[in-house]
Amino acid sequence: MSVSENLQRIRREIDEACARCGRPAGSVQLLAVSKFHPQEAVLEAIAAGQTCFGENRVQESVEKFPAVLADHPDVSLHLIGSLQRNKVKNIVPYASCIQSVDRYELAQEIIKQRRKLLDAGTKMPASLRLLFEVHTGEESKSGFTDTAELQRTIELCRDAADAGIVCAGFMTMAPNTDDESLIRNSFRSLRQLSEQLRTLYPDLPLNELSMGMSGDFTIAIEEGSTMVRIGTAIFGQRNYA
């Protein structure tokens, strides 16, 4: 099937999952994960109406997306993979959202680089939405495990609103397992934590819950996801060469 046909199918499955659990149509955003796929695949998805894309690696993002963003101002780029501090300055000019904020020091660097670019008059998205990655699954996955440290990081980012920093919500990765109960518990724990933190920070728009990928997005929707990250089911198997 083509990228366009896959997008139609995934959108239909998202709508059906929303309907099954009584959620309104359009309440879950589709993030097309284009990592390891060429720019041509991104353009094919854009032609089919997709405007929100996710990439895992900074180098690939800055090679693939500047021209796309220049030609398609309605398109947004999300960085969803692990981010090293020395790569922050490279992705901040292009990303509308960084979903993998998993430690206080990384948030500091993001704010620092955003301010430097603003001072230099660099053209970039008007705001930078941050999602705080929370560890809810496998031991090998990154993410906050200490709620106090997470709160400290949220407060740091809250105080950088003048630099266009937006505390937008949370992200997690479920364990890589066929055990649906473990997957569901992973998503449920993030939703419950987000509810607690939204109560604690009512002034912040911590509404985004980025959870669910090609193999588990319907479960994620049932557990409250507002954004699903779909790659293989849209673009097919990746070329890792």
C-alpha atoms as a PDB file:
ATOM      1  CA  MET A   1       0.000   0.000   0.000  1.00  0.00           C
ATOM      2  CA  SER A   2       1.104   3.584  -0.598  1.00  0.00           C
ATOM      3  CA  VAL A   3       1.891   6.130   2.104  1.00  0.00           C
ATOM      4  CA  SER A   4      -1.386   7.877   1.284  1.00  0.00           C
ATOM      5  CA  GLU A   5      -3.383   4.653   1.629  1.00  0.00           C
ATOM      6  CA  ASN A   6      -1.633   3.795   4.888  1.00  0.00           C
ATOM      7  CA  LEU A   7      -2.418   7.239   6.288  1.00  0.00           C
ATOM      8  CA  GLN A   8      -6.083   6.838   5.411  1.00  0.00           C
ATOM      9  CA  ARG A   9      -6.173   3.449   7.124  1.00  0.00           C
ATOM     10  CA  ILE A  10      -4.422   4.659  10.272  1.00  0.00           C
ATOM     11  CA  ARG A  11      -6.667   7.718  10.534  1.00  0.00           C
ATOM     12  CA  ARG A  12      -9.684   5.459  10.226  1.00  0.00           C
ATOM     13  CA  GLU A  13      -8.350   3.141  12.942  1.00  0.00           C
ATOM     14  CA  ILE A  14      -7.713   6.118  15.223  1.00  0.00           C
ATOM     15  CA  ASP A  15     -11.277   7.367  14.702  1.00  0.00           C
ATOM     16  CA  GLU A  16     -12.663   3.887  15.348  1.00  0.00           C
ATOM     17  CA  ALA A  17     -10.634   3.537  18.556  1.00  0.00           C
ATOM     18  CA  CYS A  18     -11.884   6.930  19.738  1.00  0.00           C
ATOM     19  CA  ALA A  19     -15.479   5.957  18.994  1.00  0.00           C
ATOM     20  CA  ARG A  20     -15.160   2.666  20.892  1.00  0.00           C
ATOM     21  CA  CYS A  21     -14.106   4.424  24.084  1.00  0.00           C
ATOM     22  CA  GLY A  22     -16.446   7.380  23.746  1.00  0.00           C
ATOM     23  CA  ARG A  23     -13.874   9.976  22.782  1.00  0.00           C
ATOM     24  CA  PRO A  24     -14.700  12.626  20.195  1.00  0.00           C
ATOM     25  CA  ALA A  25     -13.322  12.376  16.674  1.00  0.00           C
ATOM     26  CA  GLY A  26     -10.214  14.507  16.273  1.00  0.00           C
ATOM     27  CA  SER A  27      -9.151  14.197  19.903  1.00  0.00           C
ATOM     28  CA  VAL A  28      -6.029  12.201  18.990  1.00  0.00           C
ATOM     29  CA  GLN A  29      -3.321  13.682  16.768  1.00  0.00           C
ATOM     30  CA  LEU A  30      -1.324  11.512  14.397  1.00  0.00           C
ATOM     31  CA  LEU A  31       2.448  12.046  14.440  1.00  0.00           C
ATOM     32  CA  ALA A  32       4.029  10.421  11.377  1.00  0.00           C
ATOM     33  CA  VAL A  33       7.439   9.089  12.403  1.00  0.00           C
ATOM     34  CA  SER A  34       9.643   9.427   9.340  1.00  0.00           C
ATOM     35  CA  LYS A  35      12.995   8.327  10.771  1.00  0.00           C
ATOM     36  CA  PHE A  36      15.148   6.342   8.328  1.00  0.00           C
ATOM     37  CA  HIS A  37      12.761   7.234   5.501  1.00  0.00           C
ATOM     38  CA  PRO A  38      13.732   9.641   2.705  1.00  0.00           C
ATOM     39  CA  GLN A  39      12.479  13.157   2.202  1.00  0.00           C
ATOM     40  CA  GLU A  40      10.395  11.872  -0.711  1.00  0.00           C
ATOM     41  CA  ALA A  41       8.317   9.783   1.706  1.00  0.00           C
ATOM     42  CA  VAL A  42       7.712  12.863   3.865  1.00  0.00           C
ATOM     43  CA  LEU A  43       6.576  14.823   0.822  1.00  0.00           C
ATOM     44  CA  GLU A  44       4.231  12.010  -0.169  1.00  0.00           C
ATOM     45  CA  ALA A  45       2.692  12.128   3.299  1.00  0.00           C
ATOM     46  CA  ILE A  46       2.350  15.921   3.104  1.00  0.00           C
ATOM     47  CA  ALA A  47       0.552  15.540  -0.233  1.00  0.00           C
ATOM     48  CA  ALA A  48      -1.864  13.216   1.582  1.00  0.00           C
ATOM     49  CA  GLY A  49      -2.605  15.886   4.206  1.00  0.00           C
ATOM     50  CA  GLN A  50      -0.150  14.965   6.950  1.00  0.00           C
ATOM     51  CA  THR A  51       1.466  17.975   8.620  1.00  0.00           C
ATOM     52  CA  CYS A  52       3.022  16.668  11.847  1.00  0.00           C
ATOM     53  CA  PHE A  53       6.201  14.567  11.697  1.00  0.00           C
ATOM     54  CA  GLY A  54       8.515  12.976  14.227  1.00  0.00           C
ATOM     55  CA  GLU A  55      12.221  12.213  13.956  1.00  0.00           C
ATOM     56  CA  ASN A  56      14.512  10.375  16.359  1.00  0.00           C
ATOM     57  CA  ARG A  57      17.934  11.681  15.414  1.00  0.00           C
ATOM     58  CA  VAL A  58      19.096  15.281  15.224  1.00  0.00           C
ATOM     59  CA  GLN A  59      21.473  14.731  12.309  1.00  0.00           C
ATOM     60  CA  GLU A  60      18.820  13.135  10.146  1.00  0.00           C
ATOM     61  CA  SER A  61      16.319  15.820  11.097  1.00  0.00           C
ATOM     62  CA  VAL A  62      18.546  18.715  10.083  1.00  0.00           C
ATOM     63  CA  GLU A  63      19.457  17.015   6.817  1.00  0.00           C
ATOM     64  CA  LYS A  64      15.880  16.203   5.858  1.00  0.00           C
ATOM     65  CA  PHE A  65      13.592  18.900   7.205  1.00  0.00           C
ATOM     66  CA  PRO A  66      14.894  22.466   6.673  1.00  0.00           C
ATOM     67  CA  ALA A  67      13.856  22.463   3.013  1.00  0.00           C
ATOM     68  CA  VAL A  68      10.553  20.762   3.847  1.00  0.00           C
ATOM     69  CA  LEU A  69       9.737  23.337   6.528  1.00  0.00           C
ATOM     70  CA  ALA A  70      10.716  26.212   4.233  1.00  0.00           C
ATOM     71  CA  ASP A  71       8.410  24.975   1.476  1.00  0.00           C
ATOM     72  CA  HIS A  72       5.568  23.880   3.780  1.00  0.00           C
ATOM     73  CA  PRO A  73       5.123  26.376   6.631  1.00  0.00           C
ATOM     74  CA  ASP A  74       2.155  24.414   8.003  1.00  0.00           C
ATOM     75  CA  VAL A  75       4.366  21.378   8.674  1.00  0.00           C
ATOM     76  CA  SER A  76       5.813  20.833  12.155  1.00  0.00           C
ATOM     77  CA  LEU A  77       8.755  18.732  13.275  1.00  0.00           C
ATOM     78  CA  HIS A  78       8.886  16.892  16.593  1.00  0.00           C
ATOM     79  CA  LEU A  79      12.114  15.470  17.985  1.00  0.00           C
ATOM     80  CA  ILE A  80      11.081  12.250  19.732  1.00  0.00           C
ATOM     81  CA  GLY A  81      14.402  10.449  20.254  1.00  0.00           C
ATOM     82  CA  SER A  82      16.983  10.712  22.989  1.00  0.00           C
ATOM     83  CA  LEU A  83      18.665  14.112  22.827  1.00  0.00           C
ATOM     84  CA  GLN A  84      22.258  14.847  23.819  1.00  0.00           C
ATOM     85  CA  ARG A  85      22.978  18.292  25.177  1.00  0.00           C
ATOM     86  CA  ASN A  86      25.611  19.027  22.526  1.00  0.00           C
ATOM     87  CA  LYS A  87      23.017  18.458  19.780  1.00  0.00           C
ATOM     88  CA  VAL A  88      20.381  20.817  21.202  1.00  0.00           C
ATOM     89  CA  LYS A  89      21.662  23.882  19.335  1.00  0.00           C
ATOM     90  CA  ASN A  90      21.235  22.035  16.034  1.00  0.00           C
ATOM     91  CA  ILE A  91      17.592  21.006  16.468  1.00  0.00           C
ATOM     92  CA  VAL A  92      16.113  24.052  18.243  1.00  0.00           C
ATOM     93  CA  PRO A  93      15.929  26.196  15.052  1.00  0.00           C
ATOM     94  CA  TYR A  94      13.667  23.625  13.375  1.00  0.00           C
ATOM     95  CA  ALA A  95      11.647  21.735  15.967  1.00  0.00           C
ATOM     96  CA  SER A  96       8.215  22.856  17.090  1.00  0.00           C
ATOM     97  CA  CYS A  97       8.264  20.257  19.854  1.00  0.00           C
ATOM     98  CA  ILE A  98      10.848  18.219  21.739  1.00  0.00           C
ATOM     99  CA  GLN A  99       9.133  15.183  23.228  1.00  0.00           C
ATOM    100  CA  SER A 100      12.150  13.606  24.927  1.00  0.00           C
ATOM    101  CA  VAL A 101      12.913  16.041  27.753  1.00  0.00           C
ATOM    102  CA  ASP A 102      14.079  13.486  30.285  1.00  0.00           C
ATOM    103  CA  ARG A 103      16.356  15.378  32.675  1.00  0.00           C
ATOM    104  CA  TYR A 104      16.792  18.801  34.242  1.00  0.00           C
ATOM    105  CA  GLU A 105      20.147  19.487  32.564  1.00  0.00           C
ATOM    106  CA  LEU A 106      18.685  18.895  29.116  1.00  0.00           C
ATOM    107  CA  ALA A 107      15.888  21.370  29.808  1.00  0.00           C
ATOM    108  CA  GLN A 108      18.504  23.925  30.903  1.00  0.00           C
ATOM    109  CA  GLU A 109      20.365  23.520  27.626  1.00  0.00           C
ATOM    110  CA  ILE A 110      17.199  23.791  25.536  1.00  0.00           C
ATOM    111  CA  ILE A 111      16.282  27.050  27.248  1.00  0.00           C
ATOM    112  CA  LYS A 112      19.835  28.368  26.906  1.00  0.00           C
ATOM    113  CA  GLN A 113      19.982  27.643  23.168  1.00  0.00           C
ATOM    114  CA  ARG A 114      16.493  29.008  22.556  1.00  0.00           C
ATOM    115  CA  ARG A 115      17.467  32.302  24.223  1.00  0.00           C
ATOM    116  CA  LYS A 116      20.707  32.523  22.224  1.00  0.00           C
ATOM    117  CA  LEU A 117      18.848  32.024  18.955  1.00  0.00           C
ATOM    118  CA  LEU A 118      16.239  34.611  19.900  1.00  0.00           C
ATOM    119  CA  ASP A 119      18.958  37.121  20.756  1.00  0.00           C
ATOM    120  CA  ALA A 120      20.601  36.450  17.384  1.00  0.00           C
ATOM    121  CA  GLY A 121      17.327  36.970  15.533  1.00  0.00           C
ATOM    122  CA  THR A 122      17.357  33.439  14.127  1.00  0.00           C
ATOM    123  CA  LYS A 123      14.223  32.415  12.279  1.00  0.00           C
ATOM    124  CA  MET A 124      12.534  29.495  14.029  1.00  0.00           C
ATOM    125  CA  PRO A 125       9.103  28.373  15.253  1.00  0.00           C
ATOM    126  CA  ALA A 126       7.404  31.007  17.409  1.00  0.00           C
ATOM    127  CA  SER A 127       7.262  28.609  20.348  1.00  0.00           C
ATOM    128  CA  LEU A 128       8.948  25.393  21.409  1.00  0.00           C
ATOM    129  CA  ARG A 129       6.616  22.899  23.044  1.00  0.00           C
ATOM    130  CA  LEU A 130       8.244  20.495  25.486  1.00  0.00           C
ATOM    131  CA  LEU A 131       6.984  17.080  26.524  1.00  0.00           C
ATOM    132  CA  PHE A 132       8.501  15.535  29.616  1.00  0.00           C
ATOM    133  CA  GLU A 133       9.429  11.908  29.045  1.00  0.00           C
ATOM    134  CA  VAL A 134       8.465   9.643  31.930  1.00  0.00           C
ATOM    135  CA  HIS A 135       9.831   6.164  32.475  1.00  0.00           C
ATOM    136  CA  THR A 136       6.919   3.719  32.710  1.00  0.00           C
ATOM    137  CA  GLY A 137       8.229   0.636  30.925  1.00  0.00           C
ATOM    138  CA  GLU A 138      11.453  -1.220  30.241  1.00  0.00           C
ATOM    139  CA  GLU A 139      14.592  -0.672  32.277  1.00  0.00           C
ATOM    140  CA  SER A 140      16.433   0.316  29.101  1.00  0.00           C
ATOM    141  CA  LYS A 141      14.114   3.210  28.339  1.00  0.00           C
ATOM    142  CA  SER A 142      14.929   6.747  29.362  1.00  0.00           C
ATOM    143  CA  GLY A 143      12.660   9.139  31.189  1.00  0.00           C
ATOM    144  CA  PHE A 144      12.032  10.671  34.586  1.00  0.00           C
ATOM    145  CA  THR A 145      11.654   8.225  37.438  1.00  0.00           C
ATOM    146  CA  ASP A 146      11.732  10.792  40.256  1.00  0.00           C
ATOM    147  CA  THR A 147       8.599  12.929  40.490  1.00  0.00           C
ATOM    148  CA  ALA A 148      10.395  15.632  42.472  1.00  0.00           C
ATOM    149  CA  GLU A 149      13.018  15.972  39.731  1.00  0.00           C
ATOM    150  CA  LEU A 150      10.267  16.098  37.120  1.00  0.00           C
ATOM    151  CA  GLN A 151       8.524  18.884  39.023  1.00  0.00           C
ATOM    152  CA  ARG A 152      11.777  20.814  39.329  1.00  0.00           C
ATOM    153  CA  THR A 153      12.224  20.564  35.565  1.00  0.00           C
ATOM    154  CA  ILE A 154       8.659  21.641  34.847  1.00  0.00           C
ATOM    155  CA  GLU A 155       9.138  24.686  37.054  1.00  0.00           C
ATOM    156  CA  LEU A 156      12.380  25.576  35.280  1.00  0.00           C
ATOM    157  CA  CYS A 157      10.613  25.442  31.918  1.00  0.00           C
ATOM    158  CA  ARG A 158       7.581  27.322  33.222  1.00  0.00           C
ATOM    159  CA  ASP A 159       9.862  30.222  34.082  1.00  0.00           C
ATOM    160  CA  ALA A 160      11.174  30.314  30.481  1.00  0.00           C
ATOM    161  CA  ALA A 161       7.848  31.238  28.906  1.00  0.00           C
ATOM    162  CA  ASP A 162       9.345  34.559  27.792  1.00  0.00           C
ATOM    163  CA  ALA A 163      11.638  32.551  25.483  1.00  0.00           C
ATOM    164  CA  GLY A 164       8.693  30.792  23.870  1.00  0.00           C
ATOM    165  CA  ILE A 165       9.048  27.628  25.954  1.00  0.00           C
ATOM    166  CA  VAL A 166       5.720  25.849  26.474  1.00  0.00           C
ATOM    167  CA  CYS A 167       5.245  23.036  28.984  1.00  0.00           C
ATOM    168  CA  ALA A 168       2.871  21.019  26.830  1.00  0.00           C
ATOM    169  CA  GLY A 169       2.588  17.591  28.453  1.00  0.00           C
ATOM    170  CA  PHE A 170       4.179  14.184  28.740  1.00  0.00           C
ATOM    171  CA  MET A 171       5.508  11.287  26.692  1.00  0.00           C
ATOM    172  CA  THR A 172       6.253   7.641  27.410  1.00  0.00           C
ATOM    173  CA  MET A 173       7.151   4.385  25.715  1.00  0.00           C
ATOM    174  CA  ALA A 174       5.365   1.228  26.788  1.00  0.00           C
ATOM    175  CA  PRO A 175       7.370  -1.955  27.367  1.00  0.00           C
ATOM    176  CA  ASN A 176       8.128  -4.042  24.293  1.00  0.00           C
ATOM    177  CA  THR A 177       5.913  -6.996  25.150  1.00  0.00           C
ATOM    178  CA  ASP A 178       2.845  -8.895  24.000  1.00  0.00           C
ATOM    179  CA  ASP A 179       1.388  -8.631  27.492  1.00  0.00           C
ATOM    180  CA  GLU A 180      -1.433  -6.135  27.034  1.00  0.00           C
ATOM    181  CA  SER A 181      -1.824  -5.613  30.767  1.00  0.00           C
ATOM    182  CA  LEU A 182       1.765  -4.361  31.061  1.00  0.00           C
ATOM    183  CA  ILE A 183       1.293  -2.030  28.093  1.00  0.00           C
ATOM    184  CA  ARG A 184      -1.982  -0.730  29.472  1.00  0.00           C
ATOM    185  CA  ASN A 185      -0.498  -0.181  32.928  1.00  0.00           C
ATOM    186  CA  SER A 186       2.354   1.822  31.387  1.00  0.00           C
ATOM    187  CA  PHE A 187      -0.032   4.178  29.620  1.00  0.00           C
ATOM    188  CA  ARG A 188      -2.382   4.366  32.576  1.00  0.00           C
ATOM    189  CA  SER A 189       0.388   5.332  34.969  1.00  0.00           C
ATOM    190  CA  LEU A 190       1.392   8.252  32.745  1.00  0.00           C
ATOM    191  CA  ARG A 191      -2.186   9.446  32.481  1.00  0.00           C
ATOM    192  CA  GLN A 192      -2.604   9.326  36.246  1.00  0.00           C
ATOM    193  CA  LEU A 193       0.661  11.196  36.804  1.00  0.00           C
ATOM    194  CA  SER A 194      -0.350  13.827  34.272  1.00  0.00           C
ATOM    195  CA  GLU A 195      -3.648  14.342  36.050  1.00  0.00           C
ATOM    196  CA  GLN A 196      -1.822  14.914  39.333  1.00  0.00           C
ATOM    197  CA  LEU A 197       0.596  17.385  37.793  1.00  0.00           C
ATOM    198  CA  ARG A 198      -2.102  19.303  35.915  1.00  0.00           C
ATOM    199  CA  THR A 199      -3.791  19.831  39.278  1.00  0.00           C
ATOM    200  CA  LEU A 200      -0.497  20.986  40.767  1.00  0.00           C
ATOM    201  CA  TYR A 201       0.228  23.360  37.854  1.00  0.00           C
ATOM    202  CA  PRO A 202      -3.172  24.663  36.707  1.00  0.00           C
ATOM    203  CA  ASP A 203      -1.495  27.592  34.934  1.00  0.00           C
ATOM    204  CA  LEU A 204       0.325  25.288  32.501  1.00  0.00           C
ATOM    205  CA  PRO A 205      -1.120  23.610  29.375  1.00  0.00           C
ATOM    206  CA  LEU A 206       0.099  20.134  30.347  1.00  0.00           C
ATOM    207  CA  ASN A 207      -2.571  18.472  28.235  1.00  0.00           C
ATOM    208  CA  GLU A 208      -0.564  16.461  25.713  1.00  0.00           C
ATOM    209  CA  LEU A 209      -0.122  12.733  26.292  1.00  0.00           C
ATOM    210  CA  SER A 210       2.142  11.317  23.597  1.00  0.00           C
ATOM    211  CA  MET A 211       1.872   7.561  23.936  1.00  0.00           C
ATOM    212  CA  GLY A 212       1.252   4.717  21.561  1.00  0.00           C
ATOM    213  CA  MET A 213       3.099   3.516  18.467  1.00  0.00           C
ATOM    214  CA  SER A 214       2.304   1.265  15.506  1.00  0.00           C
ATOM    215  CA  GLY A 215       1.827  -1.857  17.626  1.00  0.00           C
ATOM    216  CA  ASP A 216      -0.074  -0.456  20.590  1.00  0.00           C
ATOM    217  CA  PHE A 217      -1.721   2.840  19.632  1.00  0.00           C
ATOM    218  CA  THR A 218      -5.300   1.608  20.029  1.00  0.00           C
ATOM    219  CA  ILE A 219      -4.563   0.626  23.641  1.00  0.00           C
ATOM    220  CA  ALA A 220      -2.951   4.026  24.169  1.00  0.00           C
ATOM    221  CA  ILE A 221      -6.050   5.790  22.862  1.00  0.00           C
ATOM    222  CA  GLU A 222      -8.218   3.784  25.244  1.00  0.00           C
ATOM    223  CA  GLU A 223      -5.961   4.942  28.076  1.00  0.00           C
ATOM    224  CA  GLY A 224      -6.132   8.633  27.173  1.00  0.00           C
ATOM    225  CA  SER A 225      -3.421   9.314  24.598  1.00  0.00           C
ATOM    226  CA  THR A 226      -3.771  12.609  22.735  1.00  0.00           C
ATOM    227  CA  MET A 227      -0.983  11.872  20.241  1.00  0.00           C
ATOM    228  CA  VAL A 228       0.153   8.597  18.705  1.00  0.00           C
ATOM    229  CA  ARG A 229       3.557   8.153  17.074  1.00  0.00           C
ATOM    230  CA  ILE A 230       3.199   5.962  13.996  1.00  0.00           C
ATOM    231  CA  GLY A 231       6.067   5.085  11.672  1.00  0.00           C
ATOM    232  CA  THR A 232       6.174   1.587  10.221  1.00  0.00           C
ATOM    233  CA  ALA A 233       2.405   1.367   9.707  1.00  0.00           C
ATOM    234  CA  ILE A 234       2.595   4.497   7.516  1.00  0.00           C
ATOM    235  CA  PHE A 235       5.960   4.321   5.776  1.00  0.00           C
ATOM    236  CA  GLY A 236       6.682   0.599   5.866  1.00  0.00           C
ATOM    237  CA  GLN A 237       9.864  -1.074   7.066  1.00  0.00           C
ATOM    238  CA  ARG A 238      12.784   1.285   7.490  1.00  0.00           C
ATOM    239  CA  ASN A 239      16.011   1.286   5.559  1.00  0.00           C
ATOM    240  CA  TYR A 240      18.729   1.252   8.222  1.00  0.00           C
ATOM    241  CA  ALA A 241      21.593   1.466   5.724  1.00  0.00           C
END
